[in-house]
Amino acid sequence: MNGNADKKSPRAEEGAERWFRKGIEFLEMEKLDEAYSCFRHGIELNPDHPMLQFSLGQAFDAGLGVERDDSKAVEWYRKAAEQGMMGAMYFLAQKLEFGQGVRSDREQAIRWHLKAGEGGLPESQYALGEHYLCQREHVSENWPEAARWFRMAAEQGHSNAQLRLAGMFEDGLGVPQDLNIARFWYRKAAAQGSVQAQASLEGLKS
């Protein structure tokens, strides 16, 4: 049996999964070198394991058991993202937007955020809201789209999106001005510890 066939065998996939779980256990114990070693063992058994790809991306991104390397983080995030892993799409988009380990490419970053946002990832939904809110061209035309993405993230409990959405309702940006709805979202964000939301809520009471 050749090497590629062996790596795709059920036995190899099971072994990769065991190494992944063991690596996560080591991470939880803050044994970073051991965790990285487990992820490496696992990916050798199954190079297409998306969670192992993502975990290696995280390892290189944050220097978990290995020296930080943005370019290698991008490589692993891209592999996992191309298999449909939304968390990897988000981190890849961030790297592309800020040019970390890869040439800055805002359009490609937005494409990855759109895939993750449409899949329901609140972090990417919030990032898209920020993108449309802060675009310099056709600013007011982009506000309804910004509000739409902020609402998606806010409804999933993303506190910064709740804060942004409340502000848009307070000022009537992209949505009809409605102070009651603004208060509702400010309260949601304040309940999660947002000092800015609490201050804005107090301002609406006065």
N, C-alpha and C. Protein backbone atom coordinates (compact mmCIF):
# COMPACT_ATOMS: atom_id res chain seq x y z
N MET A 1 0.86 -1.19 0.00
CA MET A 1 0.00 0.00 0.00
C MET A 1 0.89 1.24 0.00
N ASN A 2 0.57 2.24 -0.88
CA ASN A 2 1.42 3.42 -0.93
C ASN A 2 1.11 4.37 0.21
N GLY A 3 1.99 5.36 0.38
CA GLY A 3 1.86 6.28 1.51
C GLY A 3 0.59 7.07 1.50
N ASN A 4 0.18 7.57 0.30
CA ASN A 4 -1.02 8.40 0.22
C ASN A 4 -2.27 7.61 0.58
N ALA A 5 -2.34 6.37 0.10
CA ALA A 5 -3.50 5.55 0.41
C ALA A 5 -3.57 5.28 1.89
N ASP A 6 -2.41 5.02 2.50
CA ASP A 6 -2.37 4.73 3.93
C ASP A 6 -2.85 5.92 4.75
N LYS A 7 -2.48 7.14 4.30
CA LYS A 7 -2.87 8.33 5.04
C LYS A 7 -4.37 8.57 5.00
N LYS A 8 -5.05 8.05 3.94
CA LYS A 8 -6.48 8.25 3.81
C LYS A 8 -7.27 7.08 4.38
N SER A 9 -6.60 6.09 4.92
CA SER A 9 -7.29 4.93 5.46
C SER A 9 -8.03 5.30 6.74
N PRO A 10 -9.13 4.58 7.03
CA PRO A 10 -9.87 4.84 8.27
C PRO A 10 -8.98 4.75 9.51
N ARG A 11 -8.03 3.83 9.48
CA ARG A 11 -7.14 3.67 10.63
C ARG A 11 -6.29 4.92 10.84
N ALA A 12 -5.78 5.48 9.72
CA ALA A 12 -4.98 6.70 9.82
C ALA A 12 -5.83 7.87 10.29
N GLU A 13 -7.06 7.94 9.81
CA GLU A 13 -7.96 9.03 10.22
C GLU A 13 -8.28 8.93 11.71
N GLU A 14 -8.51 7.73 12.18
CA GLU A 14 -8.77 7.54 13.62
C GLU A 14 -7.55 7.93 14.45
N GLY A 15 -6.37 7.54 13.95
CA GLY A 15 -5.15 7.90 14.67
C GLY A 15 -4.95 9.40 14.72
N ALA A 16 -5.23 10.08 13.60
CA ALA A 16 -5.09 11.54 13.55
C ALA A 16 -6.04 12.19 14.54
N GLU A 17 -7.26 11.66 14.62
CA GLU A 17 -8.25 12.21 15.56
C GLU A 17 -7.79 12.03 17.00
N ARG A 18 -7.20 10.88 17.29
CA ARG A 18 -6.70 10.65 18.65
C ARG A 18 -5.58 11.63 18.99
N TRP A 19 -4.66 11.86 18.05
CA TRP A 19 -3.59 12.82 18.29
C TRP A 19 -4.15 14.23 18.48
N PHE A 20 -5.19 14.56 17.72
CA PHE A 20 -5.80 15.89 17.87
C PHE A 20 -6.38 16.06 19.28
N ARG A 21 -7.13 15.07 19.73
CA ARG A 21 -7.75 15.15 21.06
C ARG A 21 -6.69 15.21 22.15
N LYS A 22 -5.63 14.44 21.97
CA LYS A 22 -4.55 14.45 22.96
C LYS A 22 -3.87 15.82 22.97
N GLY A 23 -3.70 16.40 21.79
CA GLY A 23 -3.11 17.73 21.71
C GLY A 23 -3.95 18.77 22.43
N ILE A 24 -5.26 18.67 22.27
CA ILE A 24 -6.16 19.61 22.96
C ILE A 24 -6.05 19.44 24.48
N GLU A 25 -5.93 18.21 24.92
CA GLU A 25 -5.76 17.96 26.36
C GLU A 25 -4.49 18.62 26.88
N PHE A 26 -3.41 18.51 26.11
CA PHE A 26 -2.15 19.15 26.52
C PHE A 26 -2.29 20.68 26.52
N LEU A 27 -3.03 21.21 25.54
CA LEU A 27 -3.24 22.66 25.50
C LEU A 27 -3.97 23.13 26.76
N GLU A 28 -4.98 22.38 27.15
CA GLU A 28 -5.75 22.74 28.35
C GLU A 28 -4.88 22.70 29.60
N MET A 29 -3.85 21.85 29.59
CA MET A 29 -2.91 21.77 30.71
C MET A 29 -1.74 22.75 30.54
N GLU A 30 -1.80 23.54 29.45
CA GLU A 30 -0.75 24.51 29.11
C GLU A 30 0.60 23.86 28.87
N LYS A 31 0.56 22.61 28.39
CA LYS A 31 1.78 21.91 27.98
C LYS A 31 1.91 22.10 26.47
N LEU A 32 2.45 23.25 26.08
CA LEU A 32 2.39 23.70 24.70
C LEU A 32 3.27 22.87 23.77
N ASP A 33 4.47 22.52 24.22
CA ASP A 33 5.35 21.72 23.37
C ASP A 33 4.73 20.37 23.04
N GLU A 34 4.14 19.75 24.07
CA GLU A 34 3.52 18.44 23.87
C GLU A 34 2.31 18.56 22.94
N ALA A 35 1.54 19.64 23.09
CA ALA A 35 0.37 19.83 22.24
C ALA A 35 0.78 19.96 20.78
N TYR A 36 1.79 20.79 20.53
CA TYR A 36 2.25 20.98 19.15
C TYR A 36 2.75 19.66 18.56
N SER A 37 3.46 18.90 19.36
CA SER A 37 3.98 17.61 18.91
C SER A 37 2.83 16.67 18.52
N CYS A 38 1.76 16.68 19.30
CA CYS A 38 0.60 15.84 18.99
C CYS A 38 -0.04 16.25 17.67
N PHE A 39 -0.19 17.55 17.49
CA PHE A 39 -0.80 18.04 16.25
C PHE A 39 0.05 17.64 15.04
N ARG A 40 1.37 17.69 15.21
CA ARG A 40 2.28 17.31 14.12
C ARG A 40 2.15 15.81 13.80
N HIS A 41 2.08 15.00 14.84
CA HIS A 41 1.92 13.55 14.63
C HIS A 41 0.60 13.29 13.89
N GLY A 42 -0.45 13.98 14.31
CA GLY A 42 -1.76 13.77 13.70
C GLY A 42 -1.81 14.15 12.24
N ILE A 43 -1.21 15.29 11.90
CA ILE A 43 -1.27 15.77 10.52
C ILE A 43 -0.47 14.88 9.58
N GLU A 44 0.54 14.20 10.13
CA GLU A 44 1.31 13.26 9.32
C GLU A 44 0.46 12.04 8.94
N LEU A 45 -0.47 11.68 9.83
CA LEU A 45 -1.35 10.56 9.54
C LEU A 45 -2.48 10.96 8.59
N ASN A 46 -3.00 12.16 8.78
CA ASN A 46 -4.10 12.63 7.92
C ASN A 46 -3.89 14.11 7.61
N PRO A 47 -3.22 14.42 6.50
CA PRO A 47 -2.93 15.81 6.14
C PRO A 47 -4.17 16.65 5.87
N ASP A 48 -5.34 15.99 5.71
CA ASP A 48 -6.57 16.72 5.39
C ASP A 48 -7.48 16.94 6.59
N HIS A 49 -6.99 16.69 7.78
CA HIS A 49 -7.80 16.85 9.00
C HIS A 49 -7.94 18.35 9.28
N PRO A 50 -9.14 18.94 9.10
CA PRO A 50 -9.27 20.40 9.21
C PRO A 50 -8.98 20.97 10.60
N MET A 51 -9.34 20.23 11.64
CA MET A 51 -9.09 20.74 12.99
C MET A 51 -7.60 20.72 13.32
N LEU A 52 -6.89 19.73 12.81
CA LEU A 52 -5.44 19.71 12.99
C LEU A 52 -4.79 20.84 12.20
N GLN A 53 -5.28 21.08 10.99
CA GLN A 53 -4.76 22.20 10.20
C GLN A 53 -4.98 23.51 10.93
N PHE A 54 -6.18 23.69 11.44
CA PHE A 54 -6.50 24.92 12.18
C PHE A 54 -5.64 25.04 13.44
N SER A 55 -5.46 23.93 14.15
CA SER A 55 -4.67 23.95 15.38
C SER A 55 -3.22 24.31 15.11
N LEU A 56 -2.69 23.82 14.00
CA LEU A 56 -1.32 24.18 13.62
C LEU A 56 -1.25 25.66 13.23
N GLY A 57 -2.30 26.15 12.56
CA GLY A 57 -2.36 27.58 12.26
C GLY A 57 -2.33 28.41 13.53
N GLN A 58 -3.12 27.99 14.52
CA GLN A 58 -3.14 28.70 15.81
C GLN A 58 -1.78 28.63 16.50
N ALA A 59 -1.14 27.47 16.41
CA ALA A 59 0.16 27.29 17.05
C ALA A 59 1.19 28.27 16.48
N PHE A 60 1.26 28.34 15.14
CA PHE A 60 2.21 29.27 14.52
C PHE A 60 1.78 30.72 14.71
N ASP A 61 0.50 30.96 14.79
CA ASP A 61 -0.02 32.32 14.95
C ASP A 61 0.35 32.89 16.32
N ALA A 62 0.22 32.06 17.35
CA ALA A 62 0.42 32.54 18.72
C ALA A 62 1.71 32.04 19.35
N GLY A 63 2.49 31.22 18.64
CA GLY A 63 3.71 30.69 19.22
C GLY A 63 3.45 29.67 20.31
N LEU A 64 2.52 28.76 20.04
CA LEU A 64 2.16 27.73 21.02
C LEU A 64 2.99 26.48 20.78
N GLY A 65 4.08 26.35 21.50
CA GLY A 65 4.94 25.18 21.36
C GLY A 65 5.86 25.24 20.17
N VAL A 66 5.85 26.37 19.47
CA VAL A 66 6.68 26.55 18.29
C VAL A 66 6.90 28.05 18.10
N GLU A 67 7.96 28.41 17.40
CA GLU A 67 8.22 29.83 17.18
C GLU A 67 7.13 30.44 16.30
N ARG A 68 6.70 31.66 16.64
CA ARG A 68 5.67 32.33 15.85
C ARG A 68 6.13 32.49 14.41
N ASP A 69 5.20 32.25 13.49
CA ASP A 69 5.51 32.39 12.07
C ASP A 69 4.19 32.67 11.33
N ASP A 70 3.97 33.93 11.00
CA ASP A 70 2.71 34.32 10.37
C ASP A 70 2.50 33.63 9.03
N SER A 71 3.57 33.46 8.26
CA SER A 71 3.41 32.85 6.94
C SER A 71 2.96 31.39 7.06
N LYS A 72 3.49 30.67 8.05
CA LYS A 72 3.06 29.29 8.25
C LYS A 72 1.64 29.24 8.83
N ALA A 73 1.31 30.22 9.66
CA ALA A 73 -0.06 30.30 10.17
C ALA A 73 -1.03 30.48 9.01
N VAL A 74 -0.70 31.37 8.08
CA VAL A 74 -1.55 31.59 6.90
C VAL A 74 -1.70 30.31 6.10
N GLU A 75 -0.59 29.59 5.93
CA GLU A 75 -0.61 28.34 5.15
C GLU A 75 -1.60 27.34 5.74
N TRP A 76 -1.55 27.17 7.06
CA TRP A 76 -2.43 26.20 7.69
C TRP A 76 -3.87 26.69 7.77
N TYR A 77 -4.05 27.99 8.04
CA TYR A 77 -5.41 28.53 8.05
C TYR A 77 -6.07 28.36 6.68
N ARG A 78 -5.29 28.60 5.61
CA ARG A 78 -5.85 28.48 4.27
C ARG A 78 -6.29 27.04 3.98
N LYS A 79 -5.47 26.08 4.40
CA LYS A 79 -5.83 24.67 4.18
C LYS A 79 -7.16 24.35 4.86
N ALA A 80 -7.31 24.78 6.11
CA ALA A 80 -8.54 24.50 6.85
C ALA A 80 -9.72 25.29 6.28
N ALA A 81 -9.47 26.54 5.89
CA ALA A 81 -10.54 27.38 5.32
C ALA A 81 -11.06 26.78 4.03
N GLU A 82 -10.18 26.25 3.22
CA GLU A 82 -10.59 25.67 1.94
C GLU A 82 -11.41 24.41 2.13
N GLN A 83 -11.38 23.85 3.34
CA GLN A 83 -12.22 22.69 3.66
C GLN A 83 -13.52 23.11 4.34
N GLY A 84 -13.74 24.43 4.42
CA GLY A 84 -15.00 24.93 4.95
C GLY A 84 -15.02 25.26 6.42
N MET A 85 -13.86 25.31 7.07
CA MET A 85 -13.82 25.62 8.49
C MET A 85 -13.91 27.13 8.70
N MET A 86 -15.01 27.58 9.31
CA MET A 86 -15.28 29.02 9.39
C MET A 86 -14.30 29.77 10.28
N GLY A 87 -13.87 29.14 11.37
CA GLY A 87 -12.89 29.80 12.23
C GLY A 87 -11.61 30.10 11.48
N ALA A 88 -11.19 29.16 10.64
CA ALA A 88 -9.99 29.35 9.84
C ALA A 88 -10.20 30.45 8.80
N MET A 89 -11.41 30.51 8.24
CA MET A 89 -11.73 31.59 7.29
C MET A 89 -11.56 32.95 7.94
N TYR A 90 -12.04 33.07 9.18
CA TYR A 90 -11.94 34.35 9.89
C TYR A 90 -10.49 34.75 10.11
N PHE A 91 -9.68 33.82 10.63
CA PHE A 91 -8.28 34.16 10.91
C PHE A 91 -7.50 34.42 9.63
N LEU A 92 -7.81 33.67 8.57
CA LEU A 92 -7.16 33.91 7.29
C LEU A 92 -7.52 35.29 6.77
N ALA A 93 -8.79 35.66 6.89
CA ALA A 93 -9.23 36.98 6.45
C ALA A 93 -8.50 38.09 7.21
N GLN A 94 -8.32 37.89 8.51
CA GLN A 94 -7.62 38.89 9.32
C GLN A 94 -6.17 39.04 8.85
N LYS A 95 -5.53 37.92 8.57
CA LYS A 95 -4.14 37.96 8.10
C LYS A 95 -4.06 38.69 6.75
N LEU A 96 -5.01 38.39 5.87
CA LEU A 96 -5.01 39.02 4.56
C LEU A 96 -5.29 40.52 4.66
N GLU A 97 -6.17 40.88 5.54
CA GLU A 97 -6.52 42.30 5.68
C GLU A 97 -5.34 43.13 6.17
N PHE A 98 -4.61 42.58 7.14
CA PHE A 98 -3.53 43.35 7.76
C PHE A 98 -2.15 42.99 7.22
N GLY A 99 -2.10 42.10 6.23
CA GLY A 99 -0.82 41.77 5.61
C GLY A 99 0.15 41.10 6.56
N GLN A 100 -0.34 40.15 7.34
CA GLN A 100 0.50 39.43 8.29
C GLN A 100 0.85 38.06 7.74
N GLY A 101 2.11 37.89 7.31
CA GLY A 101 2.53 36.62 6.75
C GLY A 101 2.11 36.41 5.32
N VAL A 102 1.49 37.42 4.74
CA VAL A 102 1.00 37.35 3.37
C VAL A 102 0.80 38.78 2.88
N ARG A 103 0.84 38.96 1.57
CA ARG A 103 0.61 40.31 1.03
C ARG A 103 -0.81 40.75 1.35
N SER A 104 -0.97 41.98 1.79
CA SER A 104 -2.29 42.49 2.13
C SER A 104 -3.21 42.44 0.92
N ASP A 105 -4.41 41.89 1.13
CA ASP A 105 -5.38 41.77 0.05
C ASP A 105 -6.77 41.92 0.66
N ARG A 106 -7.26 43.15 0.70
CA ARG A 106 -8.52 43.44 1.37
C ARG A 106 -9.71 42.75 0.68
N GLU A 107 -9.67 42.70 -0.65
CA GLU A 107 -10.77 42.07 -1.38
C GLU A 107 -10.87 40.59 -1.04
N GLN A 108 -9.73 39.92 -0.99
CA GLN A 108 -9.75 38.49 -0.65
C GLN A 108 -10.17 38.30 0.81
N ALA A 109 -9.74 39.22 1.67
CA ALA A 109 -10.15 39.15 3.08
C ALA A 109 -11.67 39.23 3.20
N ILE A 110 -12.26 40.16 2.46
CA ILE A 110 -13.72 40.32 2.51
C ILE A 110 -14.41 39.07 1.98
N ARG A 111 -13.85 38.46 0.94
CA ARG A 111 -14.45 37.23 0.40
C ARG A 111 -14.49 36.12 1.45
N TRP A 112 -13.39 35.99 2.22
CA TRP A 112 -13.38 34.96 3.26
C TRP A 112 -14.33 35.31 4.39
N HIS A 113 -14.39 36.60 4.75
CA HIS A 113 -15.35 37.01 5.79
C HIS A 113 -16.78 36.74 5.33
N LEU A 114 -17.06 36.98 4.04
CA LEU A 114 -18.41 36.73 3.52
C LEU A 114 -18.76 35.25 3.62
N LYS A 115 -17.82 34.38 3.28
CA LYS A 115 -18.10 32.94 3.38
C LYS A 115 -18.40 32.54 4.82
N ALA A 116 -17.57 33.04 5.74
CA ALA A 116 -17.77 32.70 7.16
C ALA A 116 -19.02 33.37 7.71
N GLY A 117 -19.24 34.64 7.32
CA GLY A 117 -20.41 35.36 7.81
C GLY A 117 -21.70 34.74 7.33
N GLU A 118 -21.74 34.35 6.06
CA GLU A 118 -22.93 33.69 5.53
C GLU A 118 -23.13 32.32 6.17
N GLY A 119 -22.04 31.73 6.64
CA GLY A 119 -22.14 30.46 7.35
C GLY A 119 -22.57 30.61 8.80
N GLY A 120 -22.63 31.87 9.27
CA GLY A 120 -23.13 32.13 10.62
C GLY A 120 -22.10 32.48 11.67
N LEU A 121 -20.85 32.75 11.26
CA LEU A 121 -19.82 33.08 12.25
C LEU A 121 -19.95 34.54 12.67
N PRO A 122 -20.26 34.83 13.94
CA PRO A 122 -20.50 36.21 14.35
C PRO A 122 -19.28 37.12 14.24
N GLU A 123 -18.07 36.58 14.43
CA GLU A 123 -16.87 37.41 14.32
C GLU A 123 -16.71 37.97 12.91
N SER A 124 -16.99 37.15 11.92
CA SER A 124 -16.91 37.63 10.54
C SER A 124 -18.09 38.53 10.20
N GLN A 125 -19.24 38.26 10.75
CA GLN A 125 -20.39 39.14 10.55
C GLN A 125 -20.08 40.54 11.09
N TYR A 126 -19.46 40.58 12.27
CA TYR A 126 -19.08 41.87 12.84
C TYR A 126 -18.04 42.57 11.97
N ALA A 127 -17.06 41.81 11.49
CA ALA A 127 -16.02 42.38 10.63
C ALA A 127 -16.63 42.97 9.36
N LEU A 128 -17.62 42.30 8.81
CA LEU A 128 -18.30 42.81 7.61
C LEU A 128 -19.08 44.07 7.93
N GLY A 129 -19.71 44.09 9.09
CA GLY A 129 -20.41 45.32 9.51
C GLY A 129 -19.46 46.49 9.60
N GLU A 130 -18.29 46.26 10.19
CA GLU A 130 -17.27 47.31 10.28
C GLU A 130 -16.81 47.75 8.89
N HIS A 131 -16.66 46.79 8.00
CA HIS A 131 -16.22 47.09 6.64
C HIS A 131 -17.20 48.04 5.95
N TYR A 132 -18.49 47.70 6.00
CA TYR A 132 -19.49 48.53 5.32
C TYR A 132 -19.72 49.85 6.04
N LEU A 133 -19.57 49.86 7.35
CA LEU A 133 -19.76 51.10 8.10
C LEU A 133 -18.65 52.10 7.79
N CYS A 134 -17.44 51.60 7.59
CA CYS A 134 -16.27 52.47 7.47
C CYS A 134 -15.80 52.69 6.04
N GLN A 135 -16.50 52.10 5.06
CA GLN A 135 -16.10 52.33 3.68
C GLN A 135 -16.18 53.83 3.35
N ARG A 136 -15.18 54.30 2.64
CA ARG A 136 -15.11 55.74 2.36
C ARG A 136 -15.99 56.15 1.19
N GLU A 137 -16.25 55.23 0.26
CA GLU A 137 -17.06 55.55 -0.90
C GLU A 137 -18.52 55.16 -0.67
N HIS A 138 -19.44 56.02 -1.12
CA HIS A 138 -20.88 55.77 -1.02
C HIS A 138 -21.25 55.39 0.42
N VAL A 139 -20.78 56.22 1.34
CA VAL A 139 -20.88 55.87 2.76
C VAL A 139 -22.30 55.57 3.18
N SER A 140 -23.22 56.49 2.96
CA SER A 140 -24.58 56.31 3.46
C SER A 140 -25.27 55.12 2.78
N GLU A 141 -24.88 54.80 1.54
CA GLU A 141 -25.48 53.66 0.84
C GLU A 141 -25.06 52.34 1.47
N ASN A 142 -23.92 52.33 2.17
CA ASN A 142 -23.42 51.10 2.79
C ASN A 142 -23.97 50.86 4.19
N TRP A 143 -24.58 51.89 4.79
CA TRP A 143 -25.03 51.76 6.18
C TRP A 143 -26.08 50.66 6.38
N PRO A 144 -27.08 50.51 5.48
CA PRO A 144 -28.04 49.42 5.70
C PRO A 144 -27.37 48.04 5.71
N GLU A 145 -26.35 47.87 4.84
CA GLU A 145 -25.64 46.59 4.80
C GLU A 145 -24.84 46.39 6.10
N ALA A 146 -24.25 47.47 6.59
CA ALA A 146 -23.53 47.39 7.87
C ALA A 146 -24.48 46.98 8.99
N ALA A 147 -25.64 47.61 9.02
CA ALA A 147 -26.62 47.30 10.06
C ALA A 147 -27.09 45.85 9.96
N ARG A 148 -27.24 45.37 8.74
CA ARG A 148 -27.68 43.98 8.54
C ARG A 148 -26.69 43.00 9.13
N TRP A 149 -25.39 43.21 8.88
CA TRP A 149 -24.38 42.29 9.40
C TRP A 149 -24.23 42.45 10.91
N PHE A 150 -24.29 43.68 11.41
CA PHE A 150 -24.21 43.88 12.86
C PHE A 150 -25.37 43.16 13.56
N ARG A 151 -26.56 43.24 12.96
CA ARG A 151 -27.72 42.58 13.58
C ARG A 151 -27.51 41.07 13.65
N MET A 152 -26.99 40.48 12.59
CA MET A 152 -26.75 39.03 12.60
C MET A 152 -25.83 38.63 13.74
N ALA A 153 -24.74 39.40 13.90
CA ALA A 153 -23.78 39.09 14.97
C ALA A 153 -24.37 39.40 16.34
N ALA A 154 -25.11 40.52 16.42
CA ALA A 154 -25.71 40.93 17.70
C ALA A 154 -26.69 39.88 18.20
N GLU A 155 -27.45 39.31 17.29
CA GLU A 155 -28.44 38.31 17.69
C GLU A 155 -27.78 37.02 18.19
N GLN A 156 -26.50 36.87 17.89
CA GLN A 156 -25.75 35.72 18.42
C GLN A 156 -24.96 36.06 19.67
N GLY A 157 -25.16 37.30 20.18
CA GLY A 157 -24.54 37.68 21.44
C GLY A 157 -23.20 38.37 21.32
N HIS A 158 -22.83 38.82 20.13
CA HIS A 158 -21.55 39.52 19.94
C HIS A 158 -21.69 40.93 20.51
N SER A 159 -21.01 41.22 21.62
CA SER A 159 -21.24 42.47 22.34
C SER A 159 -20.85 43.71 21.54
N ASN A 160 -19.75 43.66 20.80
CA ASN A 160 -19.36 44.82 19.99
C ASN A 160 -20.36 45.09 18.88
N ALA A 161 -20.92 44.03 18.31
CA ALA A 161 -21.96 44.20 17.29
C ALA A 161 -23.22 44.79 17.91
N GLN A 162 -23.55 44.35 19.12
CA GLN A 162 -24.70 44.93 19.81
C GLN A 162 -24.50 46.42 20.05
N LEU A 163 -23.29 46.78 20.44
CA LEU A 163 -22.97 48.19 20.67
C LEU A 163 -23.08 48.99 19.38
N ARG A 164 -22.52 48.48 18.30
CA ARG A 164 -22.58 49.17 17.00
C ARG A 164 -24.03 49.31 16.53
N LEU A 165 -24.79 48.23 16.63
CA LEU A 165 -26.17 48.26 16.17
C LEU A 165 -27.00 49.26 16.98
N ALA A 166 -26.77 49.29 18.28
CA ALA A 166 -27.47 50.26 19.12
C ALA A 166 -27.16 51.69 18.68
N GLY A 167 -25.90 51.96 18.39
CA GLY A 167 -25.50 53.29 17.93
C GLY A 167 -26.15 53.66 16.61
N MET A 168 -26.32 52.68 15.73
CA MET A 168 -26.95 52.96 14.44
C MET A 168 -28.43 53.28 14.61
N PHE A 169 -29.08 52.59 15.54
CA PHE A 169 -30.48 52.92 15.82
C PHE A 169 -30.60 54.27 16.55
N GLU A 170 -29.64 54.58 17.39
CA GLU A 170 -29.67 55.86 18.08
C GLU A 170 -29.55 57.02 17.10
N ASP A 171 -28.67 56.85 16.10
CA ASP A 171 -28.40 57.94 15.16
C ASP A 171 -29.17 57.82 13.85
N GLY A 172 -29.89 56.72 13.65
CA GLY A 172 -30.62 56.54 12.40
C GLY A 172 -29.72 56.32 11.21
N LEU A 173 -28.67 55.54 11.39
CA LEU A 173 -27.73 55.26 10.30
C LEU A 173 -28.07 53.92 9.65
N GLY A 174 -28.65 53.96 8.47
CA GLY A 174 -28.98 52.71 7.77
C GLY A 174 -30.23 52.03 8.26
N VAL A 175 -30.80 52.54 9.34
CA VAL A 175 -32.05 52.03 9.92
C VAL A 175 -32.86 53.24 10.40
N PRO A 176 -34.17 53.08 10.53
CA PRO A 176 -34.96 54.19 11.09
C PRO A 176 -34.52 54.47 12.52
N GLN A 177 -34.39 55.74 12.86
CA GLN A 177 -33.99 56.08 14.23
C GLN A 177 -35.03 55.55 15.20
N ASP A 178 -34.59 54.84 16.22
CA ASP A 178 -35.50 54.26 17.20
C ASP A 178 -34.73 54.11 18.51
N LEU A 179 -34.99 55.02 19.45
CA LEU A 179 -34.24 55.02 20.70
C LEU A 179 -34.58 53.83 21.58
N ASN A 180 -35.81 53.32 21.45
CA ASN A 180 -36.16 52.15 22.25
C ASN A 180 -35.35 50.92 21.82
N ILE A 181 -35.20 50.75 20.51
CA ILE A 181 -34.38 49.63 20.02
C ILE A 181 -32.92 49.87 20.38
N ALA A 182 -32.49 51.12 20.30
CA ALA A 182 -31.11 51.44 20.70
C ALA A 182 -30.87 51.05 22.15
N ARG A 183 -31.81 51.39 23.02
CA ARG A 183 -31.67 51.03 24.44
C ARG A 183 -31.61 49.52 24.62
N PHE A 184 -32.45 48.82 23.86
CA PHE A 184 -32.48 47.35 23.95
C PHE A 184 -31.09 46.77 23.69
N TRP A 185 -30.44 47.22 22.61
CA TRP A 185 -29.13 46.66 22.26
C TRP A 185 -28.02 47.17 23.16
N TYR A 186 -28.15 48.42 23.63
CA TYR A 186 -27.16 48.91 24.60
C TYR A 186 -27.22 48.07 25.88
N ARG A 187 -28.44 47.72 26.31
CA ARG A 187 -28.57 46.90 27.52
C ARG A 187 -27.94 45.53 27.32
N LYS A 188 -28.15 44.96 26.14
CA LYS A 188 -27.55 43.65 25.84
C LYS A 188 -26.03 43.72 25.95
N ALA A 189 -25.45 44.76 25.35
CA ALA A 189 -23.98 44.89 25.37
C ALA A 189 -23.49 45.21 26.78
N ALA A 190 -24.22 46.06 27.49
CA ALA A 190 -23.82 46.44 28.86
C ALA A 190 -23.85 45.22 29.78
N ALA A 191 -24.80 44.33 29.56
CA ALA A 191 -24.91 43.12 30.39
C ALA A 191 -23.70 42.22 30.21
N GLN A 192 -22.98 42.41 29.10
CA GLN A 192 -21.77 41.62 28.85
C GLN A 192 -20.51 42.38 29.27
N GLY A 193 -20.71 43.51 29.93
CA GLY A 193 -19.56 44.23 30.49
C GLY A 193 -19.06 45.39 29.65
N SER A 194 -19.80 45.80 28.62
CA SER A 194 -19.36 46.92 27.79
C SER A 194 -19.56 48.24 28.54
N VAL A 195 -18.46 48.85 28.92
CA VAL A 195 -18.52 50.14 29.62
C VAL A 195 -19.09 51.22 28.70
N GLN A 196 -18.71 51.17 27.43
CA GLN A 196 -19.20 52.15 26.47
C GLN A 196 -20.72 52.05 26.30
N ALA A 197 -21.22 50.82 26.27
CA ALA A 197 -22.66 50.63 26.15
C ALA A 197 -23.39 51.16 27.38
N GLN A 198 -22.82 50.92 28.55
CA GLN A 198 -23.42 51.43 29.79
C GLN A 198 -23.46 52.94 29.78
N ALA A 199 -22.37 53.57 29.35
CA ALA A 199 -22.34 55.04 29.29
C ALA A 199 -23.34 55.58 28.28
N SER A 200 -23.47 54.92 27.14
CA SER A 200 -24.42 55.35 26.12
C SER A 200 -25.85 55.20 26.63
N LEU A 201 -26.09 54.13 27.36
CA LEU A 201 -27.41 53.90 27.93
C LEU A 201 -27.76 54.99 28.94
N GLU A 202 -26.80 55.37 29.78
CA GLU A 202 -27.02 56.44 30.74
C GLU A 202 -27.31 57.75 30.01
N GLY A 203 -26.60 57.98 28.89
CA GLY A 203 -26.80 59.20 28.12
C GLY A 203 -28.21 59.27 27.54
N LEU A 204 -28.77 58.14 27.15
CA LEU A 204 -30.12 58.13 26.61
C LEU A 204 -31.17 58.37 27.68
N LYS A 205 -30.85 58.05 28.93
CA LYS A 205 -31.80 58.25 30.03
C LYS A 205 -31.92 59.72 30.41
N SER A 206 -30.81 60.47 30.19
CA SER A 206 -30.81 61.87 30.63
C SER A 206 -31.57 62.76 29.67
